[in-house]
PDB file of N, CA and C in Angstrom:
ATOM      1  N   UNK A   1     -21.288 -69.308 -46.327  1.00  0.00           N
ATOM      2  CA  UNK A   1     -21.258 -68.617 -47.593  1.00  0.00           C
ATOM      3  C   UNK A   1     -20.650 -67.223 -47.380  1.00  0.00           C
ATOM      4  N   UNK A   2     -19.819 -66.806 -48.262  1.00  0.00           N
ATOM      5  CA  UNK A   2     -19.138 -65.520 -48.172  1.00  0.00           C
ATOM      6  C   UNK A   2     -19.928 -64.470 -48.938  1.00  0.00           C
ATOM      7  N   UNK A   3     -20.164 -63.350 -48.300  1.00  0.00           N
ATOM      8  CA  UNK A   3     -20.856 -62.234 -48.940  1.00  0.00           C
ATOM      9  C   UNK A   3     -19.845 -61.489 -49.808  1.00  0.00           C
ATOM     10  N   UNK A   4     -20.035 -61.548 -51.131  1.00  0.00           N
ATOM     11  CA  UNK A   4     -19.063 -60.939 -52.041  1.00  0.00           C
ATOM     12  C   UNK A   4     -19.401 -59.502 -52.403  1.00  0.00           C
ATOM     13  N   UNK A   5     -20.512 -58.985 -51.877  1.00  0.00           N
ATOM     14  CA  UNK A   5     -20.835 -57.588 -52.149  1.00  0.00           C
ATOM     15  C   UNK A   5     -19.931 -56.700 -51.308  1.00  0.00           C
ATOM     16  N   UNK A   6     -19.451 -55.673 -51.927  1.00  0.00           N
ATOM     17  CA  UNK A   6     -18.536 -54.760 -51.242  1.00  0.00           C
ATOM     18  C   UNK A   6     -19.326 -53.801 -50.364  1.00  0.00           C
ATOM     19  N   UNK A   7     -18.906 -53.705 -49.120  1.00  0.00           N
ATOM     20  CA  UNK A   7     -19.559 -52.776 -48.203  1.00  0.00           C
ATOM     21  C   UNK A   7     -18.620 -51.614 -47.949  1.00  0.00           C
ATOM     22  N   UNK A   8     -19.160 -50.429 -48.015  1.00  0.00           N
ATOM     23  CA  UNK A   8     -18.392 -49.234 -47.711  1.00  0.00           C
ATOM     24  C   UNK A   8     -19.009 -48.585 -46.488  1.00  0.00           C
ATOM     25  N   UNK A   9     -18.277 -48.613 -45.411  1.00  0.00           N
ATOM     26  CA  UNK A   9     -18.719 -48.009 -44.169  1.00  0.00           C
ATOM     27  C   UNK A   9     -18.075 -46.636 -44.069  1.00  0.00           C
ATOM     28  N   UNK A  10     -18.865 -45.624 -43.761  1.00  0.00           N
ATOM     29  CA  UNK A  10     -18.365 -44.258 -43.677  1.00  0.00           C
ATOM     30  C   UNK A  10     -18.492 -43.780 -42.240  1.00  0.00           C
ATOM     31  N   UNK A  11     -17.422 -43.180 -41.736  1.00  0.00           N
ATOM     32  CA  UNK A  11     -17.430 -42.629 -40.387  1.00  0.00           C
ATOM     33  C   UNK A  11     -17.379 -41.112 -40.479  1.00  0.00           C
ATOM     34  N   UNK A  12     -18.334 -40.451 -39.827  1.00  0.00           N
ATOM     35  CA  UNK A  12     -18.384 -38.996 -39.752  1.00  0.00           C
ATOM     36  C   UNK A  12     -17.948 -38.600 -38.353  1.00  0.00           C
ATOM     37  N   UNK A  13     -16.918 -37.789 -38.254  1.00  0.00           N
ATOM     38  CA  UNK A  13     -16.447 -37.317 -36.961  1.00  0.00           C
ATOM     39  C   UNK A  13     -16.687 -35.814 -36.893  1.00  0.00           C
ATOM     40  N   UNK A  14     -17.442 -35.393 -35.898  1.00  0.00           N
ATOM     41  CA  UNK A  14     -17.797 -33.998 -35.736  1.00  0.00           C
ATOM     42  C   UNK A  14     -17.025 -33.412 -34.569  1.00  0.00           C
ATOM     43  N   UNK A  15     -16.554 -32.198 -34.727  1.00  0.00           N
ATOM     44  CA  UNK A  15     -15.812 -31.558 -33.660  1.00  0.00           C
ATOM     45  C   UNK A  15     -15.378 -30.169 -34.068  1.00  0.00           C
ATOM     46  N   UNK A  16     -14.288 -29.725 -33.465  1.00  0.00           N
ATOM     47  CA  UNK A  16     -13.783 -28.384 -33.751  1.00  0.00           C
ATOM     48  C   UNK A  16     -12.261 -28.408 -33.757  1.00  0.00           C
ATOM     49  N   UNK A  17     -11.675 -27.382 -34.384  1.00  0.00           N
ATOM     50  CA  UNK A  17     -10.222 -27.290 -34.475  1.00  0.00           C
ATOM     51  C   UNK A  17      -9.825 -25.845 -34.763  1.00  0.00           C
ATOM     52  N   UNK A  18      -8.556 -25.548 -34.563  1.00  0.00           N
ATOM     53  CA  UNK A  18      -7.972 -24.260 -34.949  1.00  0.00           C
ATOM     54  C   UNK A  18      -7.142 -24.483 -36.205  1.00  0.00           C
ATOM     55  N   UNK A  19      -7.113 -23.478 -37.076  1.00  0.00           N
ATOM     56  CA  UNK A  19      -6.316 -23.625 -38.283  1.00  0.00           C
ATOM     57  C   UNK A  19      -5.614 -22.321 -38.613  1.00  0.00           C
ATOM     58  N   UNK A  20      -4.568 -22.450 -39.412  1.00  0.00           N
ATOM     59  CA  UNK A  20      -3.827 -21.304 -39.922  1.00  0.00           C
ATOM     60  C   UNK A  20      -3.739 -21.473 -41.436  1.00  0.00           C
ATOM     61  N   UNK A  21      -4.361 -20.559 -42.181  1.00  0.00           N
ATOM     62  CA  UNK A  21      -4.388 -20.599 -43.643  1.00  0.00           C
ATOM     63  C   UNK A  21      -3.300 -19.664 -44.151  1.00  0.00           C
ATOM     64  N   UNK A  22      -2.331 -20.202 -44.889  1.00  0.00           N
ATOM     65  CA  UNK A  22      -1.161 -19.422 -45.311  1.00  0.00           C
ATOM     66  C   UNK A  22      -1.223 -19.162 -46.813  1.00  0.00           C
ATOM     67  N   UNK A  23      -1.058 -17.870 -47.193  1.00  0.00           N
ATOM     68  CA  UNK A  23      -1.035 -17.446 -48.587  1.00  0.00           C
ATOM     69  C   UNK A  23       0.188 -16.569 -48.840  1.00  0.00           C
ATOM     70  N   UNK A  24       0.627 -16.541 -50.112  1.00  0.00           N
ATOM     71  CA  UNK A  24       1.745 -15.696 -50.538  1.00  0.00           C
ATOM     72  C   UNK A  24       1.225 -14.548 -51.385  1.00  0.00           C
ATOM     73  N   UNK A  25       1.774 -13.345 -51.150  1.00  0.00           N
ATOM     74  CA  UNK A  25       1.400 -12.160 -51.939  1.00  0.00           C
ATOM     75  C   UNK A  25       2.664 -11.489 -52.454  1.00  0.00           C
ATOM     76  N   UNK A  26       2.527 -10.714 -53.520  1.00  0.00           N
ATOM     77  CA  UNK A  26       3.664  -9.975 -54.057  1.00  0.00           C
ATOM     78  C   UNK A  26       3.627  -8.498 -53.654  1.00  0.00           C
ATOM     79  N   UNK A  27       2.595  -8.099 -52.895  1.00  0.00           N
ATOM     80  CA  UNK A  27       2.437  -6.697 -52.521  1.00  0.00           C
ATOM     81  C   UNK A  27       1.863  -6.614 -51.104  1.00  0.00           C
ATOM     82  N   UNK A  28       2.345  -5.656 -50.312  1.00  0.00           N
ATOM     83  CA  UNK A  28       1.901  -5.493 -48.933  1.00  0.00           C
ATOM     84  C   UNK A  28       0.431  -5.075 -48.871  1.00  0.00           C
ATOM     85  N   UNK A  29       0.014  -4.172 -49.779  1.00  0.00           N
ATOM     86  CA  UNK A  29      -1.361  -3.704 -49.772  1.00  0.00           C
ATOM     87  C   UNK A  29      -2.335  -4.845 -50.054  1.00  0.00           C
ATOM     88  N   UNK A  30      -1.985  -5.727 -51.006  1.00  0.00           N
ATOM     89  CA  UNK A  30      -2.844  -6.876 -51.302  1.00  0.00           C
ATOM     90  C   UNK A  30      -2.907  -7.818 -50.108  1.00  0.00           C
ATOM     91  N   UNK A  31      -1.799  -8.033 -49.450  1.00  0.00           N
ATOM     92  CA  UNK A  31      -1.769  -8.926 -48.288  1.00  0.00           C
ATOM     93  C   UNK A  31      -2.581  -8.366 -47.123  1.00  0.00           C
ATOM     94  N   UNK A  32      -2.614  -7.051 -46.990  1.00  0.00           N
ATOM     95  CA  UNK A  32      -3.351  -6.427 -45.897  1.00  0.00           C
ATOM     96  C   UNK A  32      -4.856  -6.409 -46.147  1.00  0.00           C
ATOM     97  N   UNK A  33      -5.275  -6.491 -47.400  1.00  0.00           N
ATOM     98  CA  UNK A  33      -6.697  -6.470 -47.748  1.00  0.00           C
ATOM     99  C   UNK A  33      -7.303  -7.866 -47.532  1.00  0.00           C
ATOM    100  N   UNK A  34      -8.282  -8.016 -46.613  1.00  0.00           N
ATOM    101  CA  UNK A  34      -8.857  -9.333 -46.344  1.00  0.00           C
ATOM    102  C   UNK A  34      -9.659  -9.910 -47.516  1.00  0.00           C
ATOM    103  N   UNK A  35     -10.061  -9.078 -48.482  1.00  0.00           N
ATOM    104  CA  UNK A  35     -10.843  -9.543 -49.632  1.00  0.00           C
ATOM    105  C   UNK A  35      -9.981 -10.120 -50.746  1.00  0.00           C
ATOM    106  N   UNK A  36      -8.694  -9.796 -50.769  1.00  0.00           N
ATOM    107  CA  UNK A  36      -7.832 -10.269 -51.863  1.00  0.00           C
ATOM    108  C   UNK A  36      -7.411 -11.716 -51.638  1.00  0.00           C
ATOM    109  N   UNK A  37      -7.192 -12.410 -52.741  1.00  0.00           N
ATOM    110  CA  UNK A  37      -6.777 -13.809 -52.718  1.00  0.00           C
ATOM    111  C   UNK A  37      -5.313 -13.901 -53.127  1.00  0.00           C
ATOM    112  N   UNK A  38      -4.540 -14.625 -52.333  1.00  0.00           N
ATOM    113  CA  UNK A  38      -3.136 -14.824 -52.663  1.00  0.00           C
ATOM    114  C   UNK A  38      -2.897 -16.219 -53.192  1.00  0.00           C
ATOM    115  N   UNK A  39      -1.638 -16.568 -53.354  1.00  0.00           N
ATOM    116  CA  UNK A  39      -1.268 -17.907 -53.798  1.00  0.00           C
ATOM    117  C   UNK A  39      -1.270 -18.828 -52.574  1.00  0.00           C
ATOM    118  N   UNK A  40      -2.047 -19.895 -52.648  1.00  0.00           N
ATOM    119  CA  UNK A  40      -2.159 -20.821 -51.528  1.00  0.00           C
ATOM    120  C   UNK A  40      -0.814 -21.490 -51.242  1.00  0.00           C
ATOM    121  N   UNK A  41      -0.437 -21.549 -49.961  1.00  0.00           N
ATOM    122  CA  UNK A  41       0.791 -22.222 -49.546  1.00  0.00           C
ATOM    123  C   UNK A  41       0.440 -23.488 -48.780  1.00  0.00           C
ATOM    124  N   UNK A  42      -0.263 -23.350 -47.637  1.00  0.00           N
ATOM    125  CA  UNK A  42      -0.666 -24.519 -46.862  1.00  0.00           C
ATOM    126  C   UNK A  42      -1.681 -24.127 -45.791  1.00  0.00           C
ATOM    127  N   UNK A  43      -2.273 -25.141 -45.191  1.00  0.00           N
ATOM    128  CA  UNK A  43      -3.165 -24.960 -44.048  1.00  0.00           C
ATOM    129  C   UNK A  43      -2.625 -25.831 -42.929  1.00  0.00           C
ATOM    130  N   UNK A  44      -2.413 -25.224 -41.766  1.00  0.00           N
ATOM    131  CA  UNK A  44      -1.977 -25.964 -40.588  1.00  0.00           C
ATOM    132  C   UNK A  44      -3.162 -26.094 -39.649  1.00  0.00           C
ATOM    133  N   UNK A  45      -3.465 -27.330 -39.243  1.00  0.00           N
ATOM    134  CA  UNK A  45      -4.593 -27.598 -38.352  1.00  0.00           C
ATOM    135  C   UNK A  45      -4.043 -28.134 -37.039  1.00  0.00           C
ATOM    136  N   UNK A  46      -4.557 -27.575 -35.925  1.00  0.00           N
ATOM    137  CA  UNK A  46      -4.135 -28.087 -34.623  1.00  0.00           C
ATOM    138  C   UNK A  46      -5.284 -27.975 -33.634  1.00  0.00           C
ATOM    139  N   UNK A  47      -5.073 -28.490 -32.439  1.00  0.00           N
ATOM    140  CA  UNK A  47      -6.083 -28.500 -31.374  1.00  0.00           C
ATOM    141  C   UNK A  47      -7.396 -29.125 -31.835  1.00  0.00           C
ATOM    142  N   UNK A  48      -7.304 -30.299 -32.451  1.00  0.00           N
ATOM    143  CA  UNK A  48      -8.499 -31.005 -32.919  1.00  0.00           C
ATOM    144  C   UNK A  48      -9.195 -31.643 -31.725  1.00  0.00           C
ATOM    145  N   UNK A  49     -10.511 -31.397 -31.617  1.00  0.00           N
ATOM    146  CA  UNK A  49     -11.313 -31.974 -30.543  1.00  0.00           C
ATOM    147  C   UNK A  49     -12.557 -32.596 -31.174  1.00  0.00           C
ATOM    148  N   UNK A  50     -12.718 -33.918 -31.015  1.00  0.00           N
ATOM    149  CA  UNK A  50     -13.885 -34.604 -31.553  1.00  0.00           C
ATOM    150  C   UNK A  50     -14.993 -34.609 -30.521  1.00  0.00           C
ATOM    151  N   UNK A  51     -16.194 -34.205 -30.940  1.00  0.00           N
ATOM    152  CA  UNK A  51     -17.349 -34.185 -30.047  1.00  0.00           C
ATOM    153  C   UNK A  51     -18.134 -35.494 -30.109  1.00  0.00           C
ATOM    154  N   UNK A  52     -18.411 -35.972 -31.334  1.00  0.00           N
ATOM    155  CA  UNK A  52     -19.121 -37.240 -31.478  1.00  0.00           C
ATOM    156  C   UNK A  52     -18.857 -37.826 -32.862  1.00  0.00           C
ATOM    157  N   UNK A  53     -19.208 -39.103 -33.030  1.00  0.00           N
ATOM    158  CA  UNK A  53     -18.946 -39.841 -34.256  1.00  0.00           C
ATOM    159  C   UNK A  53     -20.217 -40.566 -34.688  1.00  0.00           C
ATOM    160  N   UNK A  54     -20.483 -40.585 -36.005  1.00  0.00           N
ATOM    161  CA  UNK A  54     -21.577 -41.365 -36.581  1.00  0.00           C
ATOM    162  C   UNK A  54     -20.987 -42.321 -37.601  1.00  0.00           C
ATOM    163  N   UNK A  55     -21.517 -43.550 -37.645  1.00  0.00           N
ATOM    164  CA  UNK A  55     -21.055 -44.548 -38.605  1.00  0.00           C
ATOM    165  C   UNK A  55     -22.256 -44.992 -39.433  1.00  0.00           C
ATOM    166  N   UNK A  56     -22.099 -44.971 -40.761  1.00  0.00           N
ATOM    167  CA  UNK A  56     -23.171 -45.371 -41.667  1.00  0.00           C
ATOM    168  C   UNK A  56     -22.582 -46.144 -42.828  1.00  0.00           C
ATOM    169  N   UNK A  57     -23.439 -46.977 -43.456  1.00  0.00           N
ATOM    170  CA  UNK A  57     -23.044 -47.587 -44.714  1.00  0.00           C
ATOM    171  C   UNK A  57     -23.217 -46.555 -45.803  1.00  0.00           C
ATOM    172  N   UNK A  58     -22.510 -46.743 -46.903  1.00  0.00           N
ATOM    173  CA  UNK A  58     -22.528 -45.743 -47.972  1.00  0.00           C
ATOM    174  C   UNK A  58     -23.908 -45.576 -48.591  1.00  0.00           C
ATOM    175  N   UNK A  59     -24.738 -46.627 -48.563  1.00  0.00           N
ATOM    176  CA  UNK A  59     -26.064 -46.540 -49.169  1.00  0.00           C
ATOM    177  C   UNK A  59     -27.086 -45.894 -48.243  1.00  0.00           C
ATOM    178  N   UNK A  60     -26.666 -45.351 -47.106  1.00  0.00           N
ATOM    179  CA  UNK A  60     -27.564 -44.641 -46.221  1.00  0.00           C
ATOM    180  C   UNK A  60     -28.122 -45.476 -45.094  1.00  0.00           C
ATOM    181  N   UNK A  61     -27.754 -46.756 -45.019  1.00  0.00           N
ATOM    182  CA  UNK A  61     -28.245 -47.609 -43.946  1.00  0.00           C
ATOM    183  C   UNK A  61     -27.264 -47.586 -42.782  1.00  0.00           C
ATOM    184  N   UNK A  62     -27.795 -47.801 -41.610  1.00  0.00           N
ATOM    185  CA  UNK A  62     -26.926 -47.912 -40.448  1.00  0.00           C
ATOM    186  C   UNK A  62     -26.327 -49.315 -40.427  1.00  0.00           C
ATOM    187  N   UNK A  63     -25.139 -49.505 -39.870  1.00  0.00           N
ATOM    188  CA  UNK A  63     -24.483 -50.808 -39.887  1.00  0.00           C
ATOM    189  C   UNK A  63     -25.260 -51.915 -39.194  1.00  0.00           C
ATOM    190  N   UNK A  64     -26.173 -51.591 -38.287  1.00  0.00           N
ATOM    191  CA  UNK A  64     -26.937 -52.622 -37.601  1.00  0.00           C
ATOM    192  C   UNK A  64     -28.085 -53.156 -38.453  1.00  0.00           C
ATOM    193  N   UNK A  65     -28.232 -52.666 -39.684  1.00  0.00           N
ATOM    194  CA  UNK A  65     -29.218 -53.196 -40.607  1.00  0.00           C
ATOM    195  C   UNK A  65     -30.519 -52.437 -40.646  1.00  0.00           C
ATOM    196  N   UNK A  66     -30.740 -51.521 -39.728  1.00  0.00           N
ATOM    197  CA  UNK A  66     -31.981 -50.761 -39.732  1.00  0.00           C
ATOM    198  C   UNK A  66     -31.912 -49.672 -40.798  1.00  0.00           C
ATOM    199  N   UNK A  67     -33.009 -49.506 -41.491  1.00  0.00           N
ATOM    200  CA  UNK A  67     -33.096 -48.414 -42.456  1.00  0.00           C
ATOM    201  C   UNK A  67     -33.346 -47.120 -41.714  1.00  0.00           C
ATOM    202  N   UNK A  68     -32.923 -46.040 -42.298  1.00  0.00           N
ATOM    203  CA  UNK A  68     -33.221 -44.741 -41.722  1.00  0.00           C
ATOM    204  C   UNK A  68     -34.586 -44.331 -42.234  1.00  0.00           C
ATOM    205  N   UNK A  69     -35.570 -44.509 -41.396  1.00  0.00           N
ATOM    206  CA  UNK A  69     -36.920 -44.155 -41.783  1.00  0.00           C
ATOM    207  C   UNK A  69     -37.563 -43.378 -40.658  1.00  0.00           C
ATOM    208  N   UNK A  70     -38.743 -42.894 -40.913  1.00  0.00           N
ATOM    209  CA  UNK A  70     -39.424 -42.094 -39.910  1.00  0.00           C
ATOM    210  C   UNK A  70     -39.790 -42.955 -38.706  1.00  0.00           C
ATOM    211  N   UNK A  71     -39.827 -42.367 -37.528  1.00  0.00           N
ATOM    212  CA  UNK A  71     -40.177 -43.120 -36.328  1.00  0.00           C
ATOM    213  C   UNK A  71     -41.603 -43.652 -36.395  1.00  0.00           C
ATOM    214  N   UNK A  72     -41.889 -44.693 -35.616  1.00  0.00           N
ATOM    215  CA  UNK A  72     -43.205 -45.325 -35.628  1.00  0.00           C
ATOM    216  C   UNK A  72     -44.300 -44.350 -35.246  1.00  0.00           C
ATOM    217  N   UNK A  73     -43.994 -43.392 -34.360  1.00  0.00           N
ATOM    218  CA  UNK A  73     -45.029 -42.449 -33.938  1.00  0.00           C
ATOM    219  C   UNK A  73     -45.493 -41.570 -35.096  1.00  0.00           C
ATOM    220  N   UNK A  74     -44.645 -41.374 -36.113  1.00  0.00           N
ATOM    221  CA  UNK A  74     -45.032 -40.563 -37.266  1.00  0.00           C
ATOM    222  C   UNK A  74     -45.843 -41.365 -38.279  1.00  0.00           C
ATOM    223  N   UNK A  75     -45.819 -42.685 -38.171  1.00  0.00           N
ATOM    224  CA  UNK A  75     -46.544 -43.531 -39.113  1.00  0.00           C
ATOM    225  C   UNK A  75     -48.003 -43.719 -38.712  1.00  0.00           C
ATOM    226  N   UNK A  76     -48.347 -43.345 -37.497  1.00  0.00           N
ATOM    227  CA  UNK A  76     -49.708 -43.540 -37.018  1.00  0.00           C
ATOM    228  C   UNK A  76     -49.734 -44.619 -35.948  1.00  0.00           C
ATOM    229  N   UNK A  77     -50.936 -45.058 -35.607  1.00  0.00           N
ATOM    230  CA  UNK A  77     -51.099 -46.051 -34.549  1.00  0.00           C
ATOM    231  C   UNK A  77     -50.729 -47.446 -35.037  1.00  0.00           C
ATOM    232  N   UNK A  78     -50.143 -48.235 -34.153  1.00  0.00           N
ATOM    233  CA  UNK A  78     -49.877 -49.638 -34.470  1.00  0.00           C
ATOM    234  C   UNK A  78     -51.173 -50.417 -34.302  1.00  0.00           C
ATOM    235  N   UNK A  79     -51.196 -51.655 -34.742  1.00  0.00           N
ATOM    236  CA  UNK A  79     -52.403 -52.481 -34.621  1.00  0.00           C
ATOM    237  C   UNK A  79     -52.806 -52.651 -33.155  1.00  0.00           C
ATOM    238  N   UNK A  80     -51.828 -52.831 -32.286  1.00  0.00           N
ATOM    239  CA  UNK A  80     -52.115 -53.006 -30.865  1.00  0.00           C
ATOM    240  C   UNK A  80     -52.723 -51.727 -30.281  1.00  0.00           C
ATOM    241  N   UNK A  81     -52.176 -50.576 -30.664  1.00  0.00           N
ATOM    242  CA  UNK A  81     -52.720 -49.309 -30.175  1.00  0.00           C
ATOM    243  C   UNK A  81     -54.142 -49.090 -30.684  1.00  0.00           C
ATOM    244  N   UNK A  82     -54.410 -49.464 -31.943  1.00  0.00           N
ATOM    245  CA  UNK A  82     -55.756 -49.336 -32.490  1.00  0.00           C
ATOM    246  C   UNK A  82     -56.739 -50.195 -31.711  1.00  0.00           C
ATOM    247  N   UNK A  83     -56.334 -51.400 -31.318  1.00  0.00           N
ATOM    248  CA  UNK A  83     -57.187 -52.294 -30.565  1.00  0.00           C
ATOM    249  C   UNK A  83     -57.552 -51.674 -29.219  1.00  0.00           C
ATOM    250  N   UNK A  84     -56.550 -51.078 -28.533  1.00  0.00           N
ATOM    251  CA  UNK A  84     -56.822 -50.452 -27.241  1.00  0.00           C
ATOM    252  C   UNK A  84     -57.754 -49.248 -27.385  1.00  0.00           C
ATOM    253  N   UNK A  85     -57.603 -48.481 -28.434  1.00  0.00           N
ATOM    254  CA  UNK A  85     -58.484 -47.331 -28.653  1.00  0.00           C
ATOM    255  C   UNK A  85     -59.906 -47.812 -28.895  1.00  0.00           C
ATOM    256  N   UNK A  86     -60.073 -48.861 -29.690  1.00  0.00           N
ATOM    257  CA  UNK A  86     -61.415 -49.408 -29.953  1.00  0.00           C
ATOM    258  C   UNK A  86     -62.035 -49.939 -28.676  1.00  0.00           C
ATOM    259  N   UNK A  87     -61.268 -50.594 -27.826  1.00  0.00           N
ATOM    260  CA  UNK A  87     -61.769 -51.117 -26.550  1.00  0.00           C
ATOM    261  C   UNK A  87     -62.204 -49.986 -25.638  1.00  0.00           C
ATOM    262  N   UNK A  88     -61.445 -48.886 -25.626  1.00  0.00           N
ATOM    263  CA  UNK A  88     -61.780 -47.759 -24.769  1.00  0.00           C
ATOM    264  C   UNK A  88     -63.093 -47.121 -25.202  1.00  0.00           C
ATOM    265  N   UNK A  89     -63.331 -47.001 -26.513  1.00  0.00           N
ATOM    266  CA  UNK A  89     -64.573 -46.434 -26.996  1.00  0.00           C
ATOM    267  C   UNK A  89     -65.744 -47.379 -26.741  1.00  0.00           C
ATOM    268  N   UNK A  90     -65.517 -48.684 -26.835  1.00  0.00           N
ATOM    269  CA  UNK A  90     -66.582 -49.666 -26.620  1.00  0.00           C
ATOM    270  C   UNK A  90     -67.031 -49.659 -25.159  1.00  0.00           C
ATOM    271  N   UNK A  91     -66.100 -49.412 -24.222  1.00  0.00           N
ATOM    272  CA  UNK A  91     -66.435 -49.418 -22.802  1.00  0.00           C
ATOM    273  C   UNK A  91     -67.133 -48.135 -22.368  1.00  0.00           C
ATOM    274  N   UNK A  92     -66.954 -47.048 -23.103  1.00  0.00           N
ATOM    275  CA  UNK A  92     -67.542 -45.773 -22.668  1.00  0.00           C
ATOM    276  C   UNK A  92     -68.943 -45.560 -23.170  1.00  0.00           C
TER     277      UNK A  92
END
């Protein structure tokens, strides 16, 4: 059977880069003032270095099917752990 639901997988790539932001001005004083805004021309990006990548489905789930939820240790003791705690108290 073919799954007809559309899946959107999103890849997040984290890293660093150098850029050059180019603007046009009609006056030297305005161009020299870092607070003034000129007419945008372009941005040149170079020396891109990726540190790590994360892949997720668009609905917030990881592609392996696991939901992003709190770890088991934050949920409290599991049934097996509760049994061991009860046994330890019974023996003491």
